[in-house]
Amino acid sequence: MGKYEDISKKAAETFNKHDLDAYAKLYAEDAVAYDPMYPEPLRGRAAIRKDAATFLRGFPDIRFEIVSTIEKDDRAFCASSASCRNPRRSPLARSAK
């Protein structure tokens, strides 16, 4: 198992347990996280933790699974899947009505 694969699996595990402190500690204090769904990257461990907390409030039963990782030198790609039992019952869906 490569370094990135190990960290990715730990991230999914801590996120699924809602252990946001452990999840955030997997990132460097000055980490920059890019997400194609966001107009700007998340900057810093605190921003990454806050984003995860917001996500879990909206989808409290979501579960992430790491499907595969590809590593080369200092770059990596991670494919993951997410599932939740009933996204229509999430607080976000209820507030949109």
N, C-alpha and C. Protein backbone atom coordinates (compact mmCIF):
# COMPACT_ATOMS: atom_id res chain seq x y z
N MET A 1 0.85 -1.17 0.00
CA MET A 1 0.00 0.00 0.00
C MET A 1 0.90 1.23 0.00
N GLY A 2 0.61 2.17 -0.89
CA GLY A 2 1.38 3.40 -0.96
C GLY A 2 0.99 4.38 0.13
N LYS A 3 1.80 5.38 0.29
CA LYS A 3 1.57 6.40 1.33
C LYS A 3 0.23 7.10 1.13
N TYR A 4 -0.07 7.51 -0.10
CA TYR A 4 -1.32 8.22 -0.35
C TYR A 4 -2.53 7.31 -0.16
N GLU A 5 -2.41 6.07 -0.58
CA GLU A 5 -3.52 5.13 -0.40
C GLU A 5 -3.82 4.94 1.08
N ASP A 6 -2.78 4.82 1.90
CA ASP A 6 -2.95 4.66 3.33
C ASP A 6 -3.65 5.88 3.94
N ILE A 7 -3.21 7.07 3.57
CA ILE A 7 -3.82 8.29 4.10
C ILE A 7 -5.26 8.43 3.62
N SER A 8 -5.51 8.09 2.37
CA SER A 8 -6.88 8.16 1.83
C SER A 8 -7.83 7.26 2.61
N LYS A 9 -7.38 6.05 2.91
CA LYS A 9 -8.21 5.12 3.67
C LYS A 9 -8.44 5.62 5.09
N LYS A 10 -7.41 6.21 5.70
CA LYS A 10 -7.57 6.79 7.04
C LYS A 10 -8.55 7.96 7.00
N ALA A 11 -8.49 8.75 5.95
CA ALA A 11 -9.40 9.89 5.81
C ALA A 11 -10.85 9.40 5.71
N ALA A 12 -11.09 8.40 4.89
CA ALA A 12 -12.44 7.86 4.76
C ALA A 12 -12.92 7.28 6.09
N GLU A 13 -12.03 6.56 6.77
CA GLU A 13 -12.39 5.94 8.05
C GLU A 13 -12.74 6.99 9.10
N THR A 14 -11.93 8.02 9.25
CA THR A 14 -12.21 9.04 10.27
C THR A 14 -13.43 9.86 9.90
N PHE A 15 -13.61 10.15 8.60
CA PHE A 15 -14.79 10.89 8.15
C PHE A 15 -16.06 10.08 8.45
N ASN A 16 -16.03 8.79 8.12
CA ASN A 16 -17.19 7.93 8.35
C ASN A 16 -17.54 7.80 9.83
N LYS A 17 -16.54 7.93 10.68
CA LYS A 17 -16.78 7.89 12.13
C LYS A 17 -17.17 9.26 12.69
N HIS A 18 -17.19 10.28 11.84
CA HIS A 18 -17.46 11.66 12.22
C HIS A 18 -16.41 12.18 13.20
N ASP A 19 -15.21 11.66 13.12
CA ASP A 19 -14.10 12.11 13.98
C ASP A 19 -13.36 13.22 13.23
N LEU A 20 -13.93 14.41 13.28
CA LEU A 20 -13.41 15.50 12.47
C LEU A 20 -12.04 15.98 12.91
N ASP A 21 -11.72 15.86 14.19
CA ASP A 21 -10.39 16.25 14.63
C ASP A 21 -9.33 15.33 14.03
N ALA A 22 -9.58 14.02 14.08
CA ALA A 22 -8.63 13.07 13.49
C ALA A 22 -8.57 13.25 11.98
N TYR A 23 -9.71 13.51 11.35
CA TYR A 23 -9.76 13.75 9.91
C TYR A 23 -8.90 14.96 9.54
N ALA A 24 -9.10 16.05 10.25
CA ALA A 24 -8.36 17.28 9.94
C ALA A 24 -6.86 17.12 10.17
N LYS A 25 -6.48 16.34 11.17
CA LYS A 25 -5.06 16.15 11.47
C LYS A 25 -4.32 15.37 10.38
N LEU A 26 -5.05 14.74 9.47
CA LEU A 26 -4.40 14.07 8.35
C LEU A 26 -3.85 15.08 7.34
N TYR A 27 -4.29 16.33 7.45
CA TYR A 27 -3.85 17.39 6.55
C TYR A 27 -2.81 18.27 7.24
N ALA A 28 -1.91 18.82 6.47
CA ALA A 28 -0.94 19.79 7.00
C ALA A 28 -1.70 21.04 7.43
N GLU A 29 -1.14 21.75 8.38
CA GLU A 29 -1.78 22.98 8.87
C GLU A 29 -2.06 23.96 7.72
N ASP A 30 -1.17 24.00 6.74
CA ASP A 30 -1.32 24.94 5.62
C ASP A 30 -1.76 24.24 4.32
N ALA A 31 -2.45 23.12 4.45
CA ALA A 31 -2.89 22.35 3.28
C ALA A 31 -3.83 23.18 2.40
N VAL A 32 -3.81 22.86 1.12
CA VAL A 32 -4.74 23.44 0.16
C VAL A 32 -5.46 22.28 -0.51
N ALA A 33 -6.79 22.24 -0.36
CA ALA A 33 -7.59 21.14 -0.91
C ALA A 33 -8.43 21.66 -2.08
N TYR A 34 -8.27 21.03 -3.22
CA TYR A 34 -8.99 21.42 -4.42
C TYR A 34 -10.18 20.48 -4.62
N ASP A 35 -11.31 21.05 -4.96
CA ASP A 35 -12.51 20.27 -5.26
C ASP A 35 -13.14 20.90 -6.49
N PRO A 36 -13.38 20.13 -7.53
CA PRO A 36 -13.94 20.72 -8.75
C PRO A 36 -15.32 21.34 -8.54
N MET A 37 -15.98 21.02 -7.46
CA MET A 37 -17.31 21.59 -7.18
C MET A 37 -17.23 22.97 -6.52
N TYR A 38 -16.05 23.37 -6.07
CA TYR A 38 -15.90 24.63 -5.36
C TYR A 38 -15.19 25.65 -6.25
N PRO A 39 -15.61 26.90 -6.20
CA PRO A 39 -14.94 27.92 -7.02
C PRO A 39 -13.52 28.23 -6.56
N GLU A 40 -13.25 28.04 -5.28
CA GLU A 40 -11.93 28.31 -4.71
C GLU A 40 -11.50 27.12 -3.86
N PRO A 41 -10.21 26.86 -3.77
CA PRO A 41 -9.77 25.75 -2.91
C PRO A 41 -9.96 26.06 -1.43
N LEU A 42 -10.02 25.01 -0.64
CA LEU A 42 -10.05 25.16 0.81
C LEU A 42 -8.62 25.36 1.27
N ARG A 43 -8.38 26.37 2.07
CA ARG A 43 -7.02 26.70 2.50
C ARG A 43 -6.88 26.53 4.00
N GLY A 44 -6.06 25.56 4.39
CA GLY A 44 -5.77 25.34 5.79
C GLY A 44 -6.60 24.23 6.41
N ARG A 45 -6.03 23.65 7.43
CA ARG A 45 -6.66 22.54 8.14
C ARG A 45 -8.02 22.94 8.71
N ALA A 46 -8.12 24.14 9.26
CA ALA A 46 -9.39 24.58 9.86
C ALA A 46 -10.49 24.67 8.81
N ALA A 47 -10.17 25.16 7.62
CA ALA A 47 -11.17 25.24 6.55
C ALA A 47 -11.61 23.86 6.08
N ILE A 48 -10.67 22.93 6.02
CA ILE A 48 -11.00 21.57 5.61
C ILE A 48 -11.90 20.91 6.66
N ARG A 49 -11.60 21.12 7.93
CA ARG A 49 -12.43 20.57 9.00
C ARG A 49 -13.83 21.17 8.96
N LYS A 50 -13.92 22.48 8.78
CA LYS A 50 -15.21 23.17 8.72
C LYS A 50 -16.05 22.64 7.55
N ASP A 51 -15.42 22.44 6.41
CA ASP A 51 -16.13 21.91 5.25
C ASP A 51 -16.66 20.51 5.53
N ALA A 52 -15.86 19.67 6.14
CA ALA A 52 -16.31 18.31 6.48
C ALA A 52 -17.48 18.35 7.45
N ALA A 53 -17.42 19.24 8.43
CA ALA A 53 -18.51 19.36 9.41
C ALA A 53 -19.80 19.80 8.72
N THR A 54 -19.70 20.74 7.81
CA THR A 54 -20.87 21.21 7.07
C THR A 54 -21.46 20.07 6.23
N PHE A 55 -20.59 19.32 5.59
CA PHE A 55 -21.02 18.19 4.76
C PHE A 55 -21.76 17.16 5.61
N LEU A 56 -21.22 16.85 6.78
CA LEU A 56 -21.85 15.85 7.65
C LEU A 56 -23.17 16.34 8.24
N ARG A 57 -23.30 17.64 8.44
CA ARG A 57 -24.60 18.17 8.90
C ARG A 57 -25.66 17.97 7.81
N GLY A 58 -25.26 18.14 6.56
CA GLY A 58 -26.20 17.99 5.46
C GLY A 58 -26.52 16.54 5.14
N PHE A 59 -25.55 15.66 5.33
CA PHE A 59 -25.71 14.24 5.01
C PHE A 59 -25.13 13.40 6.15
N PRO A 60 -25.84 13.33 7.27
CA PRO A 60 -25.27 12.69 8.46
C PRO A 60 -24.97 11.20 8.33
N ASP A 61 -25.60 10.52 7.40
CA ASP A 61 -25.34 9.08 7.29
C ASP A 61 -24.48 8.73 6.07
N ILE A 62 -23.82 9.70 5.49
CA ILE A 62 -22.99 9.44 4.32
C ILE A 62 -21.79 8.57 4.69
N ARG A 63 -21.40 7.72 3.76
CA ARG A 63 -20.24 6.84 3.95
C ARG A 63 -19.37 6.93 2.71
N PHE A 64 -18.09 7.13 2.92
CA PHE A 64 -17.14 7.16 1.82
C PHE A 64 -16.35 5.86 1.80
N GLU A 65 -16.04 5.42 0.60
CA GLU A 65 -15.20 4.25 0.40
C GLU A 65 -14.16 4.58 -0.66
N ILE A 66 -12.92 4.24 -0.40
CA ILE A 66 -11.86 4.44 -1.38
C ILE A 66 -11.92 3.27 -2.36
N VAL A 67 -12.09 3.58 -3.63
CA VAL A 67 -12.19 2.55 -4.65
C VAL A 67 -10.81 2.20 -5.19
N SER A 68 -10.03 3.22 -5.52
CA SER A 68 -8.67 2.99 -6.01
C SER A 68 -7.84 4.25 -5.88
N THR A 69 -6.55 4.07 -5.87
CA THR A 69 -5.62 5.20 -5.87
C THR A 69 -4.52 4.92 -6.89
N ILE A 70 -4.02 6.00 -7.44
CA ILE A 70 -2.88 5.93 -8.35
C ILE A 70 -1.85 6.92 -7.82
N GLU A 71 -0.62 6.45 -7.66
CA GLU A 71 0.45 7.30 -7.14
C GLU A 71 1.63 7.29 -8.09
N LYS A 72 2.20 8.46 -8.30
CA LYS A 72 3.44 8.58 -9.07
C LYS A 72 4.20 9.78 -8.53
N ASP A 73 5.38 9.51 -8.03
CA ASP A 73 6.22 10.54 -7.43
C ASP A 73 5.44 11.26 -6.34
N ASP A 74 5.28 12.57 -6.45
CA ASP A 74 4.59 13.32 -5.40
C ASP A 74 3.14 13.66 -5.79
N ARG A 75 2.59 12.96 -6.77
CA ARG A 75 1.21 13.20 -7.21
C ARG A 75 0.38 11.94 -6.99
N ALA A 76 -0.90 12.18 -6.74
CA ALA A 76 -1.78 11.03 -6.51
C ALA A 76 -3.19 11.37 -6.95
N PHE A 77 -3.93 10.34 -7.28
CA PHE A 77 -5.34 10.44 -7.64
C PHE A 77 -6.07 9.39 -6.82
N CYS A 78 -7.23 9.76 -6.34
CA CYS A 78 -8.04 8.85 -5.54
C CYS A 78 -9.45 8.82 -6.11
N ALA A 79 -9.94 7.63 -6.42
CA ALA A 79 -11.34 7.46 -6.82
C ALA A 79 -12.09 6.94 -5.60
N SER A 80 -13.20 7.56 -5.30
CA SER A 80 -13.97 7.14 -4.14
C SER A 80 -15.45 7.08 -4.51
N SER A 81 -16.19 6.40 -3.68
CA SER A 81 -17.64 6.39 -3.85
C SER A 81 -18.27 6.82 -2.53
N ALA A 82 -19.41 7.42 -2.63
CA ALA A 82 -20.14 7.87 -1.45
C ALA A 82 -21.56 7.35 -1.53
N SER A 83 -22.09 7.01 -0.39
CA SER A 83 -23.48 6.57 -0.35
C SER A 83 -24.13 7.04 0.94
N CYS A 84 -25.43 7.24 0.85
CA CYS A 84 -26.21 7.50 2.05
C CYS A 84 -27.59 6.89 1.81
N ARG A 85 -28.25 6.57 2.88
CA ARG A 85 -29.50 5.82 2.77
C ARG A 85 -30.61 6.61 2.10
N ASN A 86 -30.81 7.83 2.51
CA ASN A 86 -31.93 8.59 1.95
C ASN A 86 -31.57 10.07 1.89
N PRO A 87 -30.92 10.50 0.82
CA PRO A 87 -30.51 11.90 0.74
C PRO A 87 -31.68 12.87 0.78
N ARG A 88 -32.87 12.43 0.44
CA ARG A 88 -34.04 13.33 0.47
C ARG A 88 -34.44 13.68 1.89
N ARG A 89 -33.96 12.89 2.85
CA ARG A 89 -34.29 13.17 4.25
C ARG A 89 -33.21 14.00 4.93
N SER A 90 -32.19 14.40 4.18
CA SER A 90 -31.12 15.19 4.79
C SER A 90 -31.64 16.57 5.16
N PRO A 91 -31.02 17.22 6.13
CA PRO A 91 -31.45 18.58 6.50
C PRO A 91 -31.37 19.54 5.30
N LEU A 92 -30.45 19.32 4.39
CA LEU A 92 -30.37 20.19 3.22
C LEU A 92 -31.59 20.03 2.32
N ALA A 93 -32.02 18.82 2.09
CA ALA A 93 -33.19 18.58 1.25
C ALA A 93 -34.46 19.15 1.89
N ARG A 94 -34.57 18.99 3.20
CA ARG A 94 -35.76 19.51 3.89
C ARG A 94 -35.81 21.03 3.86
N SER A 95 -34.65 21.68 3.94
CA SER A 95 -34.64 23.15 3.94
C SER A 95 -34.89 23.72 2.54
N ALA A 96 -34.74 22.92 1.51
CA ALA A 96 -34.93 23.39 0.14
C ALA A 96 -36.40 23.41 -0.26
N LYS A 97 -37.25 22.78 0.54
CA LYS A 97 -38.68 22.73 0.19
C LYS A 97 -39.37 24.05 0.40
